[in-house]
Amino acid sequence: MSNPSPIRIYPVGMTLGLLLALSFALCVVFGLLFPGATMYQAWLPLLPGVTWISWASAILGLAESFAYGWYIAVIFVPTFNFFSRRTQA
């Protein structure tokens, strides 16, 4: 059985970064449309410096969410590739 190709950090980082940034943006829009839902209180502790809501805070939240996606990719991809190689040996 041949070894599978290792996954690359760049596509995974971009995908996760955009996924989390888009999720943040959708949460902001949902919070503006339905102020009683208070979804933002769940993610405020995870995004330092982000408050509810200003343009500067929204941009910071997008940037931090994107960075979290890259953080996950930097940890996940090498770990996945390591264990993927080990299971094939």
PDB file of N, CA and C in Angstrom:
ATOM      1  N   MET A   1       0.850  -1.178   0.000  1.00  0.00           N
ATOM      2  CA  MET A   1       0.000   0.000   0.000  1.00  0.00           C
ATOM      3  C   MET A   1       0.894   1.239   0.000  1.00  0.00           C
ATOM      4  N   SER A   2       0.604   2.212  -0.848  1.00  0.00           N
ATOM      5  CA  SER A   2       1.439   3.397  -0.949  1.00  0.00           C
ATOM      6  C   SER A   2       1.032   4.433   0.093  1.00  0.00           C
ATOM      7  N   ASN A   3       1.998   5.267   0.447  1.00  0.00           N
ATOM      8  CA  ASN A   3       1.715   6.343   1.391  1.00  0.00           C
ATOM      9  C   ASN A   3       0.865   7.412   0.725  1.00  0.00           C
ATOM     10  N   PRO A   4      -0.147   7.920   1.431  1.00  0.00           N
ATOM     11  CA  PRO A   4      -0.948   9.002   0.862  1.00  0.00           C
ATOM     12  C   PRO A   4      -0.129  10.286   0.811  1.00  0.00           C
ATOM     13  N   SER A   5      -0.494  11.177  -0.075  1.00  0.00           N
ATOM     14  CA  SER A   5       0.178  12.466  -0.161  1.00  0.00           C
ATOM     15  C   SER A   5      -0.082  13.261   1.111  1.00  0.00           C
ATOM     16  N   PRO A   6       0.941  13.921   1.637  1.00  0.00           N
ATOM     17  CA  PRO A   6       0.698  14.741   2.826  1.00  0.00           C
ATOM     18  C   PRO A   6      -0.158  15.951   2.463  1.00  0.00           C
ATOM     19  N   ILE A   7      -0.955  16.378   3.411  1.00  0.00           N
ATOM     20  CA  ILE A   7      -1.740  17.583   3.165  1.00  0.00           C
ATOM     21  C   ILE A   7      -0.846  18.798   3.410  1.00  0.00           C
ATOM     22  N   ARG A   8      -1.168  19.904   2.754  1.00  0.00           N
ATOM     23  CA  ARG A   8      -0.340  21.103   2.832  1.00  0.00           C
ATOM     24  C   ARG A   8      -0.996  22.139   3.742  1.00  0.00           C
ATOM     25  N   ILE A   9      -0.162  22.916   4.400  1.00  0.00           N
ATOM     26  CA  ILE A   9      -0.653  23.902   5.364  1.00  0.00           C
ATOM     27  C   ILE A   9      -1.405  25.042   4.677  1.00  0.00           C
ATOM     28  N   TYR A  10      -0.906  25.550   3.546  1.00  0.00           N
ATOM     29  CA  TYR A  10      -1.516  26.735   2.938  1.00  0.00           C
ATOM     30  C   TYR A  10      -3.005  26.540   2.607  1.00  0.00           C
ATOM     31  N   PRO A  11      -3.392  25.485   1.884  1.00  0.00           N
ATOM     32  CA  PRO A  11      -4.829  25.354   1.584  1.00  0.00           C
ATOM     33  C   PRO A  11      -5.677  25.135   2.834  1.00  0.00           C
ATOM     34  N   VAL A  12      -5.151  24.379   3.790  1.00  0.00           N
ATOM     35  CA  VAL A  12      -5.912  24.136   5.019  1.00  0.00           C
ATOM     36  C   VAL A  12      -6.011  25.431   5.832  1.00  0.00           C
ATOM     37  N   GLY A  13      -4.921  26.176   5.921  1.00  0.00           N
ATOM     38  CA  GLY A  13      -4.936  27.437   6.659  1.00  0.00           C
ATOM     39  C   GLY A  13      -5.891  28.447   6.056  1.00  0.00           C
ATOM     40  N   MET A  14      -5.849  28.580   4.740  1.00  0.00           N
ATOM     41  CA  MET A  14      -6.759  29.518   4.084  1.00  0.00           C
ATOM     42  C   MET A  14      -8.217  29.079   4.254  1.00  0.00           C
ATOM     43  N   THR A  15      -8.464  27.787   4.116  1.00  0.00           N
ATOM     44  CA  THR A  15      -9.827  27.274   4.257  1.00  0.00           C
ATOM     45  C   THR A  15     -10.361  27.500   5.662  1.00  0.00           C
ATOM     46  N   LEU A  16      -9.584  27.123   6.669  1.00  0.00           N
ATOM     47  CA  LEU A  16     -10.047  27.304   8.043  1.00  0.00           C
ATOM     48  C   LEU A  16     -10.141  28.781   8.414  1.00  0.00           C
ATOM     49  N   GLY A  17      -9.173  29.575   7.963  1.00  0.00           N
ATOM     50  CA  GLY A  17      -9.213  31.004   8.248  1.00  0.00           C
ATOM     51  C   GLY A  17     -10.459  31.657   7.684  1.00  0.00           C
ATOM     52  N   LEU A  18     -10.756  31.353   6.427  1.00  0.00           N
ATOM     53  CA  LEU A  18     -11.957  31.921   5.809  1.00  0.00           C
ATOM     54  C   LEU A  18     -13.233  31.376   6.441  1.00  0.00           C
ATOM     55  N   LEU A  19     -13.236  30.104   6.799  1.00  0.00           N
ATOM     56  CA  LEU A  19     -14.406  29.516   7.460  1.00  0.00           C
ATOM     57  C   LEU A  19     -14.700  30.236   8.769  1.00  0.00           C
ATOM     58  N   LEU A  20     -13.678  30.441   9.589  1.00  0.00           N
ATOM     59  CA  LEU A  20     -13.902  31.097  10.878  1.00  0.00           C
ATOM     60  C   LEU A  20     -14.226  32.583  10.709  1.00  0.00           C
ATOM     61  N   ALA A  21     -13.587  33.259   9.753  1.00  0.00           N
ATOM     62  CA  ALA A  21     -13.901  34.671   9.513  1.00  0.00           C
ATOM     63  C   ALA A  21     -15.337  34.825   9.006  1.00  0.00           C
ATOM     64  N   LEU A  22     -15.747  33.953   8.104  1.00  0.00           N
ATOM     65  CA  LEU A  22     -17.117  33.986   7.608  1.00  0.00           C
ATOM     66  C   LEU A  22     -18.111  33.679   8.732  1.00  0.00           C
ATOM     67  N   SER A  23     -17.779  32.717   9.579  1.00  0.00           N
ATOM     68  CA  SER A  23     -18.648  32.392  10.717  1.00  0.00           C
ATOM     69  C   SER A  23     -18.793  33.590  11.643  1.00  0.00           C
ATOM     70  N   PHE A  24     -17.682  34.291  11.896  1.00  0.00           N
ATOM     71  CA  PHE A  24     -17.735  35.496  12.723  1.00  0.00           C
ATOM     72  C   PHE A  24     -18.647  36.538  12.074  1.00  0.00           C
ATOM     73  N   ALA A  25     -18.459  36.767  10.779  1.00  0.00           N
ATOM     74  CA  ALA A  25     -19.274  37.759  10.076  1.00  0.00           C
ATOM     75  C   ALA A  25     -20.760  37.394  10.130  1.00  0.00           C
ATOM     76  N   LEU A  26     -21.069  36.127   9.951  1.00  0.00           N
ATOM     77  CA  LEU A  26     -22.471  35.694  10.014  1.00  0.00           C
ATOM     78  C   LEU A  26     -23.042  35.870  11.416  1.00  0.00           C
ATOM     79  N   CYS A  27     -22.226  35.623  12.440  1.00  0.00           N
ATOM     80  CA  CYS A  27     -22.681  35.841  13.818  1.00  0.00           C
ATOM     81  C   CYS A  27     -22.973  37.319  14.071  1.00  0.00           C
ATOM     82  N   VAL A  28     -22.127  38.190  13.533  1.00  0.00           N
ATOM     83  CA  VAL A  28     -22.350  39.634  13.690  1.00  0.00           C
ATOM     84  C   VAL A  28     -23.647  40.037  13.003  1.00  0.00           C
ATOM     85  N   VAL A  29     -23.840  39.590  11.781  1.00  0.00           N
ATOM     86  CA  VAL A  29     -25.068  39.915  11.051  1.00  0.00           C
ATOM     87  C   VAL A  29     -26.285  39.372  11.797  1.00  0.00           C
ATOM     88  N   PHE A  30     -26.206  38.143  12.262  1.00  0.00           N
ATOM     89  CA  PHE A  30     -27.317  37.549  13.012  1.00  0.00           C
ATOM     90  C   PHE A  30     -27.596  38.353  14.280  1.00  0.00           C
ATOM     91  N   GLY A  31     -26.525  38.768  14.970  1.00  0.00           N
ATOM     92  CA  GLY A  31     -26.691  39.564  16.183  1.00  0.00           C
ATOM     93  C   GLY A  31     -27.319  40.916  15.917  1.00  0.00           C
ATOM     94  N   LEU A  32     -27.019  41.499  14.764  1.00  0.00           N
ATOM     95  CA  LEU A  32     -27.635  42.775  14.412  1.00  0.00           C
ATOM     96  C   LEU A  32     -29.105  42.610  14.033  1.00  0.00           C
ATOM     97  N   LEU A  33     -29.416  41.492  13.378  1.00  0.00           N
ATOM     98  CA  LEU A  33     -30.804  41.250  12.975  1.00  0.00           C
ATOM     99  C   LEU A  33     -31.678  40.815  14.145  1.00  0.00           C
ATOM    100  N   PHE A  34     -31.100  40.065  15.075  1.00  0.00           N
ATOM    101  CA  PHE A  34     -31.837  39.530  16.219  1.00  0.00           C
ATOM    102  C   PHE A  34     -31.094  39.889  17.506  1.00  0.00           C
ATOM    103  N   PRO A  35     -31.226  41.123  17.978  1.00  0.00           N
ATOM    104  CA  PRO A  35     -30.441  41.572  19.132  1.00  0.00           C
ATOM    105  C   PRO A  35     -30.711  40.787  20.416  1.00  0.00           C
ATOM    106  N   GLY A  36     -31.851  40.175  20.525  1.00  0.00           N
ATOM    107  CA  GLY A  36     -32.174  39.411  21.724  1.00  0.00           C
ATOM    108  C   GLY A  36     -31.458  38.075  21.803  1.00  0.00           C
ATOM    109  N   ALA A  37     -30.873  37.612  20.714  1.00  0.00           N
ATOM    110  CA  ALA A  37     -30.233  36.290  20.698  1.00  0.00           C
ATOM    111  C   ALA A  37     -28.914  36.288  21.468  1.00  0.00           C
ATOM    112  N   THR A  38     -28.231  37.413  21.539  1.00  0.00           N
ATOM    113  CA  THR A  38     -26.962  37.579  22.263  1.00  0.00           C
ATOM    114  C   THR A  38     -25.934  36.489  21.983  1.00  0.00           C
ATOM    115  N   MET A  39     -25.778  36.117  20.738  1.00  0.00           N
ATOM    116  CA  MET A  39     -24.770  35.112  20.369  1.00  0.00           C
ATOM    117  C   MET A  39     -23.356  35.614  20.616  1.00  0.00           C
ATOM    118  N   TYR A  40     -23.170  36.920  20.479  1.00  0.00           N
ATOM    119  CA  TYR A  40     -21.828  37.463  20.565  1.00  0.00           C
ATOM    120  C   TYR A  40     -21.189  37.227  21.934  1.00  0.00           C
ATOM    121  N   GLN A  41     -21.973  37.061  22.973  1.00  0.00           N
ATOM    122  CA  GLN A  41     -21.410  36.857  24.304  1.00  0.00           C
ATOM    123  C   GLN A  41     -20.604  35.558  24.396  1.00  0.00           C
ATOM    124  N   ALA A  42     -20.898  34.599  23.534  1.00  0.00           N
ATOM    125  CA  ALA A  42     -20.156  33.338  23.548  1.00  0.00           C
ATOM    126  C   ALA A  42     -18.746  33.506  22.989  1.00  0.00           C
ATOM    127  N   TRP A  43     -18.569  34.378  21.985  1.00  0.00           N
ATOM    128  CA  TRP A  43     -17.250  34.484  21.378  1.00  0.00           C
ATOM    129  C   TRP A  43     -16.443  35.683  21.835  1.00  0.00           C
ATOM    130  N   LEU A  44     -17.044  36.600  22.569  1.00  0.00           N
ATOM    131  CA  LEU A  44     -16.274  37.753  23.052  1.00  0.00           C
ATOM    132  C   LEU A  44     -15.057  37.353  23.891  1.00  0.00           C
ATOM    133  N   PRO A  45     -15.157  36.367  24.791  1.00  0.00           N
ATOM    134  CA  PRO A  45     -13.966  35.986  25.562  1.00  0.00           C
ATOM    135  C   PRO A  45     -12.860  35.365  24.695  1.00  0.00           C
ATOM    136  N   LEU A  46     -13.199  34.864  23.529  1.00  0.00           N
ATOM    137  CA  LEU A  46     -12.211  34.224  22.661  1.00  0.00           C
ATOM    138  C   LEU A  46     -11.506  35.203  21.735  1.00  0.00           C
ATOM    139  N   LEU A  47     -12.021  36.409  21.615  1.00  0.00           N
ATOM    140  CA  LEU A  47     -11.465  37.395  20.692  1.00  0.00           C
ATOM    141  C   LEU A  47     -11.037  38.645  21.474  1.00  0.00           C
ATOM    142  N   PRO A  48      -9.794  38.690  21.947  1.00  0.00           N
ATOM    143  CA  PRO A  48      -9.332  39.815  22.752  1.00  0.00           C
ATOM    144  C   PRO A  48      -9.453  41.149  22.010  1.00  0.00           C
ATOM    145  N   GLY A  49      -9.985  42.130  22.692  1.00  0.00           N
ATOM    146  CA  GLY A  49     -10.116  43.462  22.127  1.00  0.00           C
ATOM    147  C   GLY A  49     -11.395  43.694  21.345  1.00  0.00           C
ATOM    148  N   VAL A  50     -12.153  42.652  21.091  1.00  0.00           N
ATOM    149  CA  VAL A  50     -13.398  42.779  20.329  1.00  0.00           C
ATOM    150  C   VAL A  50     -14.527  43.122  21.294  1.00  0.00           C
ATOM    151  N   THR A  51     -15.301  44.134  20.929  1.00  0.00           N
ATOM    152  CA  THR A  51     -16.475  44.528  21.705  1.00  0.00           C
ATOM    153  C   THR A  51     -17.682  44.502  20.784  1.00  0.00           C
ATOM    154  N   TRP A  52     -18.817  44.721  21.315  1.00  0.00           N
ATOM    155  CA  TRP A  52     -20.042  44.720  20.502  1.00  0.00           C
ATOM    156  C   TRP A  52     -20.487  46.129  20.294  1.00  0.00           C
ATOM    157  N   ILE A  53     -20.594  46.668  19.180  1.00  0.00           N
ATOM    158  CA  ILE A  53     -20.000  46.427  17.903  1.00  0.00           C
ATOM    159  C   ILE A  53     -19.605  47.780  17.349  1.00  0.00           C
ATOM    160  N   SER A  54     -18.461  47.799  16.736  1.00  0.00           N
ATOM    161  CA  SER A  54     -17.995  48.974  16.011  1.00  0.00           C
ATOM    162  C   SER A  54     -17.259  48.460  14.776  1.00  0.00           C
ATOM    163  N   TRP A  55     -16.986  49.370  13.844  1.00  0.00           N
ATOM    164  CA  TRP A  55     -16.271  48.934  12.638  1.00  0.00           C
ATOM    165  C   TRP A  55     -14.884  48.399  12.991  1.00  0.00           C
ATOM    166  N   ALA A  56     -14.188  49.090  13.880  1.00  0.00           N
ATOM    167  CA  ALA A  56     -12.844  48.646  14.274  1.00  0.00           C
ATOM    168  C   ALA A  56     -12.900  47.283  14.951  1.00  0.00           C
ATOM    169  N   SER A  57     -13.903  47.084  15.790  1.00  0.00           N
ATOM    170  CA  SER A  57     -14.061  45.807  16.481  1.00  0.00           C
ATOM    171  C   SER A  57     -14.414  44.686  15.504  1.00  0.00           C
ATOM    172  N   ALA A  58     -15.229  44.991  14.513  1.00  0.00           N
ATOM    173  CA  ALA A  58     -15.597  43.982  13.513  1.00  0.00           C
ATOM    174  C   ALA A  58     -14.380  43.565  12.686  1.00  0.00           C
ATOM    175  N   ILE A  59     -13.553  44.530  12.297  1.00  0.00           N
ATOM    176  CA  ILE A  59     -12.340  44.216  11.528  1.00  0.00           C
ATOM    177  C   ILE A  59     -11.382  43.389  12.382  1.00  0.00           C
ATOM    178  N   LEU A  60     -11.222  43.784  13.644  1.00  0.00           N
ATOM    179  CA  LEU A  60     -10.361  43.023  14.550  1.00  0.00           C
ATOM    180  C   LEU A  60     -10.883  41.603  14.727  1.00  0.00           C
ATOM    181  N   GLY A  61     -12.187  41.454  14.880  1.00  0.00           N
ATOM    182  CA  GLY A  61     -12.784  40.131  15.023  1.00  0.00           C
ATOM    183  C   GLY A  61     -12.558  39.257  13.798  1.00  0.00           C
ATOM    184  N   LEU A  62     -12.684  39.852  12.613  1.00  0.00           N
ATOM    185  CA  LEU A  62     -12.414  39.109  11.378  1.00  0.00           C
ATOM    186  C   LEU A  62     -10.955  38.656  11.323  1.00  0.00           C
ATOM    187  N   ALA A  63     -10.048  39.565  11.667  1.00  0.00           N
ATOM    188  CA  ALA A  63      -8.623  39.236  11.625  1.00  0.00           C
ATOM    189  C   ALA A  63      -8.273  38.149  12.650  1.00  0.00           C
ATOM    190  N   GLU A  64      -8.808  38.271  13.857  1.00  0.00           N
ATOM    191  CA  GLU A  64      -8.523  37.266  14.889  1.00  0.00           C
ATOM    192  C   GLU A  64      -9.132  35.918  14.522  1.00  0.00           C
ATOM    193  N   SER A  65     -10.326  35.917  13.971  1.00  0.00           N
ATOM    194  CA  SER A  65     -10.955  34.663  13.554  1.00  0.00           C
ATOM    195  C   SER A  65     -10.130  33.989  12.466  1.00  0.00           C
ATOM    196  N   PHE A  66      -9.670  34.782  11.503  1.00  0.00           N
ATOM    197  CA  PHE A  66      -8.826  34.249  10.434  1.00  0.00           C
ATOM    198  C   PHE A  66      -7.526  33.686  11.016  1.00  0.00           C
ATOM    199  N   ALA A  67      -6.951  34.390  11.971  1.00  0.00           N
ATOM    200  CA  ALA A  67      -5.710  33.922  12.612  1.00  0.00           C
ATOM    201  C   ALA A  67      -5.933  32.627  13.379  1.00  0.00           C
ATOM    202  N   TYR A  68      -7.075  32.476  14.031  1.00  0.00           N
ATOM    203  CA  TYR A  68      -7.383  31.218  14.715  1.00  0.00           C
ATOM    204  C   TYR A  68      -7.433  30.053  13.724  1.00  0.00           C
ATOM    205  N   GLY A  69      -7.974  30.296  12.547  1.00  0.00           N
ATOM    206  CA  GLY A  69      -7.989  29.248  11.525  1.00  0.00           C
ATOM    207  C   GLY A  69      -6.589  28.805  11.148  1.00  0.00           C
ATOM    208  N   TRP A  70      -5.689  29.781  10.988  1.00  0.00           N
ATOM    209  CA  TRP A  70      -4.300  29.452  10.673  1.00  0.00           C
ATOM    210  C   TRP A  70      -3.618  28.748  11.834  1.00  0.00           C
ATOM    211  N   TYR A  71      -3.926  29.161  13.051  1.00  0.00           N
ATOM    212  CA  TYR A  71      -3.359  28.494  14.232  1.00  0.00           C
ATOM    213  C   TYR A  71      -3.745  27.017  14.238  1.00  0.00           C
ATOM    214  N   ILE A  72      -5.004  26.735  13.977  1.00  0.00           N
ATOM    215  CA  ILE A  72      -5.467  25.349  13.930  1.00  0.00           C
ATOM    216  C   ILE A  72      -4.747  24.591  12.823  1.00  0.00           C
ATOM    217  N   ALA A  73      -4.607  25.194  11.660  1.00  0.00           N
ATOM    218  CA  ALA A  73      -3.928  24.528  10.534  1.00  0.00           C
ATOM    219  C   ALA A  73      -2.473  24.223  10.862  1.00  0.00           C
ATOM    220  N   VAL A  74      -1.790  25.167  11.508  1.00  0.00           N
ATOM    221  CA  VAL A  74      -0.365  24.976  11.841  1.00  0.00           C
ATOM    222  C   VAL A  74      -0.188  23.818  12.820  1.00  0.00           C
ATOM    223  N   ILE A  75      -1.152  23.598  13.687  1.00  0.00           N
ATOM    224  CA  ILE A  75      -1.091  22.463  14.615  1.00  0.00           C
ATOM    225  C   ILE A  75      -1.590  21.185  13.945  1.00  0.00           C
ATOM    226  N   PHE A  76      -2.711  21.284  13.231  1.00  0.00           N
ATOM    227  CA  PHE A  76      -3.371  20.100  12.683  1.00  0.00           C
ATOM    228  C   PHE A  76      -2.588  19.429  11.558  1.00  0.00           C
ATOM    229  N   VAL A  77      -2.130  20.201  10.584  1.00  0.00           N
ATOM    230  CA  VAL A  77      -1.528  19.620   9.377  1.00  0.00           C
ATOM    231  C   VAL A  77      -0.284  18.787   9.687  1.00  0.00           C
ATOM    232  N   PRO A  78       0.703  19.304  10.421  1.00  0.00           N
ATOM    233  CA  PRO A  78       1.861  18.457  10.716  1.00  0.00           C
ATOM    234  C   PRO A  78       1.495  17.232  11.566  1.00  0.00           C
ATOM    235  N   THR A  79       0.563  17.418  12.480  1.00  0.00           N
ATOM    236  CA  THR A  79       0.142  16.282  13.317  1.00  0.00           C
ATOM    237  C   THR A  79      -0.550  15.225  12.467  1.00  0.00           C
ATOM    238  N   PHE A  80      -1.447  15.653  11.587  1.00  0.00           N
ATOM    239  CA  PHE A  80      -2.125  14.719  10.697  1.00  0.00           C
ATOM    240  C   PHE A  80      -1.123  13.988   9.807  1.00  0.00           C
ATOM    241  N   ASN A  81      -0.211  14.737   9.203  1.00  0.00           N
ATOM    242  CA  ASN A  81       0.782  14.118   8.322  1.00  0.00           C
ATOM    243  C   ASN A  81       1.663  13.135   9.081  1.00  0.00           C
ATOM    244  N   PHE A  82       2.032  13.466  10.300  1.00  0.00           N
ATOM    245  CA  PHE A  82       2.848  12.569  11.120  1.00  0.00           C
ATOM    246  C   PHE A  82       2.123  11.255  11.367  1.00  0.00           C
ATOM    247  N   PHE A  83       0.891  11.326  11.847  1.00  0.00           N
ATOM    248  CA  PHE A  83       0.155  10.106  12.154  1.00  0.00           C
ATOM    249  C   PHE A  83      -0.263   9.357  10.896  1.00  0.00           C
ATOM    250  N   SER A  84      -0.465  10.076   9.805  1.00  0.00           N
ATOM    251  CA  SER A  84      -0.794   9.429   8.554  1.00  0.00           C
ATOM    252  C   SER A  84       0.374   8.563   8.071  1.00  0.00           C
ATOM    253  N   ARG A  85       1.578   9.083   8.191  1.00  0.00           N
ATOM    254  CA  ARG A  85       2.771   8.305   7.814  1.00  0.00           C
ATOM    255  C   ARG A  85       2.967   7.111   8.725  1.00  0.00           C
ATOM    256  N   ARG A  86       2.724   7.308  10.014  1.00  0.00           N
ATOM    257  CA  ARG A  86       2.947   6.230  10.983  1.00  0.00           C
ATOM    258  C   ARG A  86       1.979   5.066  10.789  1.00  0.00           C
ATOM    259  N   THR A  87       0.750   5.363  10.400  1.00  0.00           N
ATOM    260  CA  THR A  87      -0.239   4.284  10.233  1.00  0.00           C
ATOM    261  C   THR A  87       0.016   3.492   8.960  1.00  0.00           C
ATOM    262  N   GLN A  88       0.733   4.079   8.003  1.00  0.00           N
ATOM    263  CA  GLN A  88       1.029   3.388   6.739  1.00  0.00           C
ATOM    264  C   GLN A  88       2.285   2.535   6.851  1.00  0.00           C
ATOM    265  N   ALA A  89       3.114   2.776   7.853  1.00  0.00           N
ATOM    266  CA  ALA A  89       4.379   2.051   7.956  1.00  0.00           C
ATOM    267  C   ALA A  89       4.201   0.638   8.460  1.00  0.00           C
TER     268      ALA A  89
END
